[in-house]
N, C-alpha and C. Protein backbone atom coordinates (compact mmCIF):
# COMPACT_ATOMS: atom_id res chain seq x y z
N LYS A 1 -11.76 -8.49 35.23
CA LYS A 1 -11.59 -8.25 36.96
C LYS A 1 -11.10 -8.97 37.90
N GLU A 2 -10.80 -8.34 38.83
CA GLU A 2 -10.01 -9.41 39.89
C GLU A 2 -10.59 -10.55 40.11
N LYS A 3 -9.80 -11.80 40.34
CA LYS A 3 -10.47 -13.01 40.71
C LYS A 3 -11.55 -13.57 39.64
N GLU A 4 -11.23 -13.18 38.17
CA GLU A 4 -12.23 -13.42 37.36
C GLU A 4 -11.37 -14.31 36.69
N THR A 5 -11.79 -15.40 36.07
CA THR A 5 -11.13 -16.52 35.60
C THR A 5 -11.48 -15.78 33.80
N ALA A 6 -10.63 -16.45 32.57
CA ALA A 6 -10.64 -16.13 31.67
C ALA A 6 -11.88 -16.45 30.99
N ASP A 7 -12.43 -17.79 31.57
CA ASP A 7 -13.68 -18.66 31.00
C ASP A 7 -14.61 -17.38 31.22
N GLU A 8 -14.54 -17.21 32.67
CA GLU A 8 -15.52 -16.18 33.31
C GLU A 8 -15.83 -14.93 32.10
N TYR A 9 -14.84 -14.47 32.06
CA TYR A 9 -14.98 -13.23 30.87
C TYR A 9 -15.61 -13.73 29.79
N ILE A 10 -15.29 -14.71 29.20
CA ILE A 10 -15.46 -14.95 27.80
C ILE A 10 -16.95 -15.26 28.13
N GLU A 11 -17.39 -16.02 29.08
CA GLU A 11 -19.15 -16.42 29.00
C GLU A 11 -19.94 -14.62 29.60
N ARG A 12 -19.24 -13.98 30.04
CA ARG A 12 -19.38 -12.84 30.49
C ARG A 12 -19.95 -11.88 28.99
N PHE A 13 -18.94 -11.69 28.49
CA PHE A 13 -18.69 -11.14 27.43
C PHE A 13 -19.55 -11.31 26.25
N VAL A 14 -20.02 -12.87 26.09
CA VAL A 14 -20.62 -13.14 25.17
C VAL A 14 -22.09 -12.89 25.53
N HIS A 15 -22.50 -13.38 26.99
CA HIS A 15 -23.65 -12.74 27.60
C HIS A 15 -24.18 -11.05 27.00
N ASP A 16 -23.18 -10.81 27.46
CA ASP A 16 -23.62 -9.01 27.36
C ASP A 16 -23.43 -8.60 26.04
N HIS A 17 -22.85 -9.15 24.94
CA HIS A 17 -22.77 -8.47 23.68
C HIS A 17 -23.55 -9.33 22.64
N TYR A 18 -23.73 -10.43 22.75
CA TYR A 18 -24.72 -11.44 21.86
C TYR A 18 -25.98 -11.15 21.33
N HIS A 19 -26.28 -11.10 20.48
CA HIS A 19 -27.58 -10.17 19.98
C HIS A 19 -27.80 -11.25 18.38
N PRO A 20 -28.78 -12.17 18.28
CA PRO A 20 -28.82 -13.13 17.17
C PRO A 20 -29.00 -12.16 15.66
N HIS A 21 -29.48 -11.20 15.85
CA HIS A 21 -29.72 -10.53 14.81
C HIS A 21 -28.81 -9.28 14.37
N LEU A 22 -27.98 -9.14 15.62
CA LEU A 22 -27.19 -8.23 15.15
C LEU A 22 -25.76 -8.16 14.85
N CYS A 23 -24.88 -9.26 15.59
CA CYS A 23 -23.71 -9.89 15.56
C CYS A 23 -23.44 -11.30 15.98
N GLU A 24 -22.58 -11.68 15.38
CA GLU A 24 -22.06 -13.04 15.81
C GLU A 24 -20.60 -12.96 16.13
N ILE A 25 -20.13 -13.64 17.11
CA ILE A 25 -19.37 -13.86 17.95
C ILE A 25 -18.66 -15.44 17.77
N SER A 26 -17.42 -15.53 17.87
CA SER A 26 -16.88 -16.87 17.64
C SER A 26 -15.91 -17.10 18.71
N VAL A 27 -15.83 -18.22 19.61
CA VAL A 27 -14.82 -18.05 20.55
C VAL A 27 -13.86 -19.24 20.09
N VAL A 28 -12.70 -19.05 20.44
CA VAL A 28 -11.95 -20.42 20.08
C VAL A 28 -11.32 -20.83 21.54
N THR A 29 -11.40 -22.25 21.67
CA THR A 29 -11.28 -22.83 22.69
C THR A 29 -11.59 -24.13 22.36
N SER A 30 -10.24 -25.27 23.00
CA SER A 30 -10.78 -26.56 22.84
C SER A 30 -10.98 -27.14 23.93
N ASP A 31 -11.53 -26.32 25.23
CA ASP A 31 -12.08 -27.08 26.53
C ASP A 31 -13.38 -27.20 26.08
N LEU A 32 -13.72 -28.43 26.17
CA LEU A 32 -14.83 -28.79 25.70
C LEU A 32 -16.09 -28.35 26.69
N THR A 33 -15.78 -28.09 27.85
CA THR A 33 -16.75 -27.67 28.87
C THR A 33 -17.18 -25.99 28.65
N GLU A 34 -16.25 -25.44 28.23
CA GLU A 34 -16.11 -23.98 27.82
C GLU A 34 -16.87 -23.91 26.55
N GLN A 35 -16.64 -25.04 25.47
CA GLN A 35 -17.66 -24.93 24.17
C GLN A 35 -18.67 -24.93 24.35
N ASN A 36 -19.38 -25.80 25.02
CA ASN A 36 -20.98 -26.07 25.36
C ASN A 36 -21.31 -25.01 26.07
N ALA A 37 -20.74 -24.04 26.96
CA ALA A 37 -21.34 -22.91 28.11
C ALA A 37 -21.24 -22.09 26.45
N ILE A 38 -20.32 -21.70 25.65
CA ILE A 38 -20.44 -20.68 24.70
C ILE A 38 -21.63 -20.96 24.11
N PHE A 39 -21.54 -22.26 23.46
CA PHE A 39 -22.74 -22.60 22.50
C PHE A 39 -24.08 -22.18 23.24
N ALA A 40 -24.11 -22.89 24.13
CA ALA A 40 -25.73 -22.63 24.98
C ALA A 40 -25.65 -21.11 25.06
N LEU A 41 -24.87 -20.14 24.91
CA LEU A 41 -25.12 -18.84 25.33
C LEU A 41 -25.37 -17.73 23.81
N GLY A 42 -25.22 -18.80 22.46
CA GLY A 42 -25.57 -18.64 21.38
C GLY A 42 -24.15 -18.13 20.45
N ALA A 43 -23.02 -18.22 21.09
CA ALA A 43 -21.68 -17.74 20.02
C ALA A 43 -21.46 -19.18 19.29
N TYR A 44 -20.81 -18.78 18.49
CA TYR A 44 -19.72 -19.96 17.62
C TYR A 44 -18.68 -20.40 18.55
N ARG A 45 -18.48 -21.79 18.39
CA ARG A 45 -17.40 -22.37 18.98
C ARG A 45 -16.08 -22.83 17.97
N ILE A 46 -15.17 -22.67 17.96
CA ILE A 46 -13.97 -23.04 16.97
C ILE A 46 -13.08 -23.77 17.62
N SER A 47 -12.59 -25.10 17.48
CA SER A 47 -11.42 -25.50 18.19
C SER A 47 -10.02 -24.90 17.78
N SER A 48 -8.93 -24.90 18.72
CA SER A 48 -7.85 -24.49 18.35
C SER A 48 -7.23 -24.76 16.92
N ARG A 49 -7.45 -26.32 16.96
CA ARG A 49 -7.07 -26.85 15.84
C ARG A 49 -7.43 -26.27 14.54
N GLU A 50 -8.60 -26.02 14.42
CA GLU A 50 -9.77 -25.58 13.50
C GLU A 50 -9.21 -23.95 12.97
N MET A 51 -9.20 -23.37 14.22
CA MET A 51 -8.55 -21.97 14.02
C MET A 51 -7.15 -21.93 13.03
N TRP A 52 -6.37 -23.10 13.50
CA TRP A 52 -4.97 -23.00 12.41
C TRP A 52 -5.40 -23.61 11.53
N VAL A 53 -6.07 -24.44 10.86
CA VAL A 53 -6.31 -24.85 10.01
C VAL A 53 -6.94 -23.86 8.93
N ASN A 54 -7.94 -22.97 9.52
CA ASN A 54 -8.43 -22.01 8.53
C ASN A 54 -7.45 -20.87 8.60
N LEU A 55 -6.74 -20.38 9.39
CA LEU A 55 -5.51 -19.52 9.34
C LEU A 55 -4.79 -19.85 8.13
N ALA A 56 -4.06 -21.15 8.42
CA ALA A 56 -3.30 -21.70 7.07
C ALA A 56 -4.04 -21.64 5.78
N GLU A 57 -5.29 -22.26 5.58
CA GLU A 57 -5.67 -22.00 4.56
C GLU A 57 -6.39 -20.43 3.92
N ALA A 58 -6.46 -19.55 4.99
CA ALA A 58 -6.36 -18.22 4.59
C ALA A 58 -5.22 -17.63 4.06
N GLU A 59 -4.16 -18.03 4.71
CA GLU A 59 -2.53 -17.61 4.25
C GLU A 59 -2.31 -17.94 3.00
N LYS A 60 -2.61 -18.89 2.37
CA LYS A 60 -2.42 -19.78 1.09
C LYS A 60 -3.75 -19.09 -0.04
N ASN A 61 -4.72 -18.77 0.62
CA ASN A 61 -5.43 -17.97 -0.61
C ASN A 61 -4.95 -16.49 -0.85
N ILE A 62 -4.25 -15.92 0.13
CA ILE A 62 -4.01 -14.54 0.28
C ILE A 62 -2.52 -14.75 -0.69
N SER A 63 -1.63 -15.77 -0.14
CA SER A 63 -0.46 -15.93 -1.29
C SER A 63 -0.62 -16.06 -2.63
N ARG A 64 -1.87 -16.77 -2.94
CA ARG A 64 -2.48 -17.08 -4.53
C ARG A 64 -2.59 -16.03 -4.88
N LYS A 65 -3.60 -15.34 -4.27
CA LYS A 65 -4.43 -13.65 -4.87
C LYS A 65 -2.80 -12.58 -5.44
N ILE A 66 -1.79 -12.63 -4.00
CA ILE A 66 -0.66 -11.86 -4.82
C ILE A 66 0.06 -12.42 -5.77
N ASP A 67 0.28 -13.90 -5.69
CA ASP A 67 0.94 -14.31 -6.88
C ASP A 67 0.21 -14.17 -8.00
N THR A 68 -1.22 -13.51 -8.43
CA THR A 68 -1.99 -13.63 -9.51
C THR A 68 -2.09 -12.11 -9.89
N ILE A 69 -1.74 -11.32 -8.95
CA ILE A 69 -1.58 -9.92 -9.11
C ILE A 69 -0.05 -9.54 -9.58
N ASN A 70 0.75 -10.27 -9.00
CA ASN A 70 1.95 -10.09 -9.41
C ASN A 70 2.33 -10.38 -10.91
N GLU A 71 1.58 -11.36 -11.20
CA GLU A 71 1.57 -12.00 -12.81
C GLU A 71 1.27 -10.96 -13.30
N LYS A 72 0.26 -10.08 -13.11
CA LYS A 72 -0.83 -9.30 -14.30
C LYS A 72 0.02 -7.87 -14.04
N MET A 73 0.86 -7.53 -13.08
CA MET A 73 1.43 -6.29 -13.24
C MET A 73 2.51 -6.21 -14.06
N PRO A 74 2.90 -5.24 -14.67
CA PRO A 74 4.08 -4.90 -15.31
C PRO A 74 5.29 -5.11 -14.42
N ARG A 75 6.45 -5.83 -15.15
CA ARG A 75 7.64 -5.71 -14.52
C ARG A 75 8.32 -4.55 -14.33
N GLN A 76 8.21 -3.95 -15.06
CA GLN A 76 9.24 -2.34 -15.30
C GLN A 76 7.92 -1.44 -15.23
N LYS A 77 8.21 -0.14 -14.98
CA LYS A 77 7.32 0.98 -14.93
C LYS A 77 8.05 1.82 -15.96
N LEU A 78 9.24 1.77 -16.27
CA LEU A 78 9.91 2.41 -17.40
C LEU A 78 9.43 2.13 -18.74
N ASP A 79 8.88 3.41 -19.57
CA ASP A 79 8.50 2.73 -20.94
C ASP A 79 9.67 2.44 -22.07
N ILE A 80 9.97 1.39 -22.14
CA ILE A 80 10.85 1.03 -22.87
C ILE A 80 10.74 0.45 -23.90
N ARG A 81 11.08 0.36 -25.40
CA ARG A 81 10.96 -0.01 -26.43
C ARG A 81 11.24 -1.64 -26.61
N ASP A 82 10.41 -2.51 -27.37
CA ASP A 82 10.52 -3.67 -27.58
C ASP A 82 11.84 -4.26 -27.88
N ASP A 83 12.60 -3.35 -28.80
CA ASP A 83 13.91 -3.49 -29.34
C ASP A 83 14.96 -3.09 -28.41
N VAL A 84 14.87 -2.60 -27.41
CA VAL A 84 15.98 -2.07 -26.37
C VAL A 84 16.11 -3.07 -25.86
């Protein structure tokens, strides 16, 4: 909305959409005041640094899974005899 800060929007969004049994909302912010406000409304808060650590760890896990899949897959799709 016009003349609304991002923090106000986030707080309103969490207030309007959070339900303890139906959804989980996480807000990424390093602003301690905003973290406290979000936590008071029931949402999870994640610092920016923690988000980057989580993303880096997820990227490593995905890369490991892709490597495992690639190792198990045959390198060629042609049915070539071993003596060729």
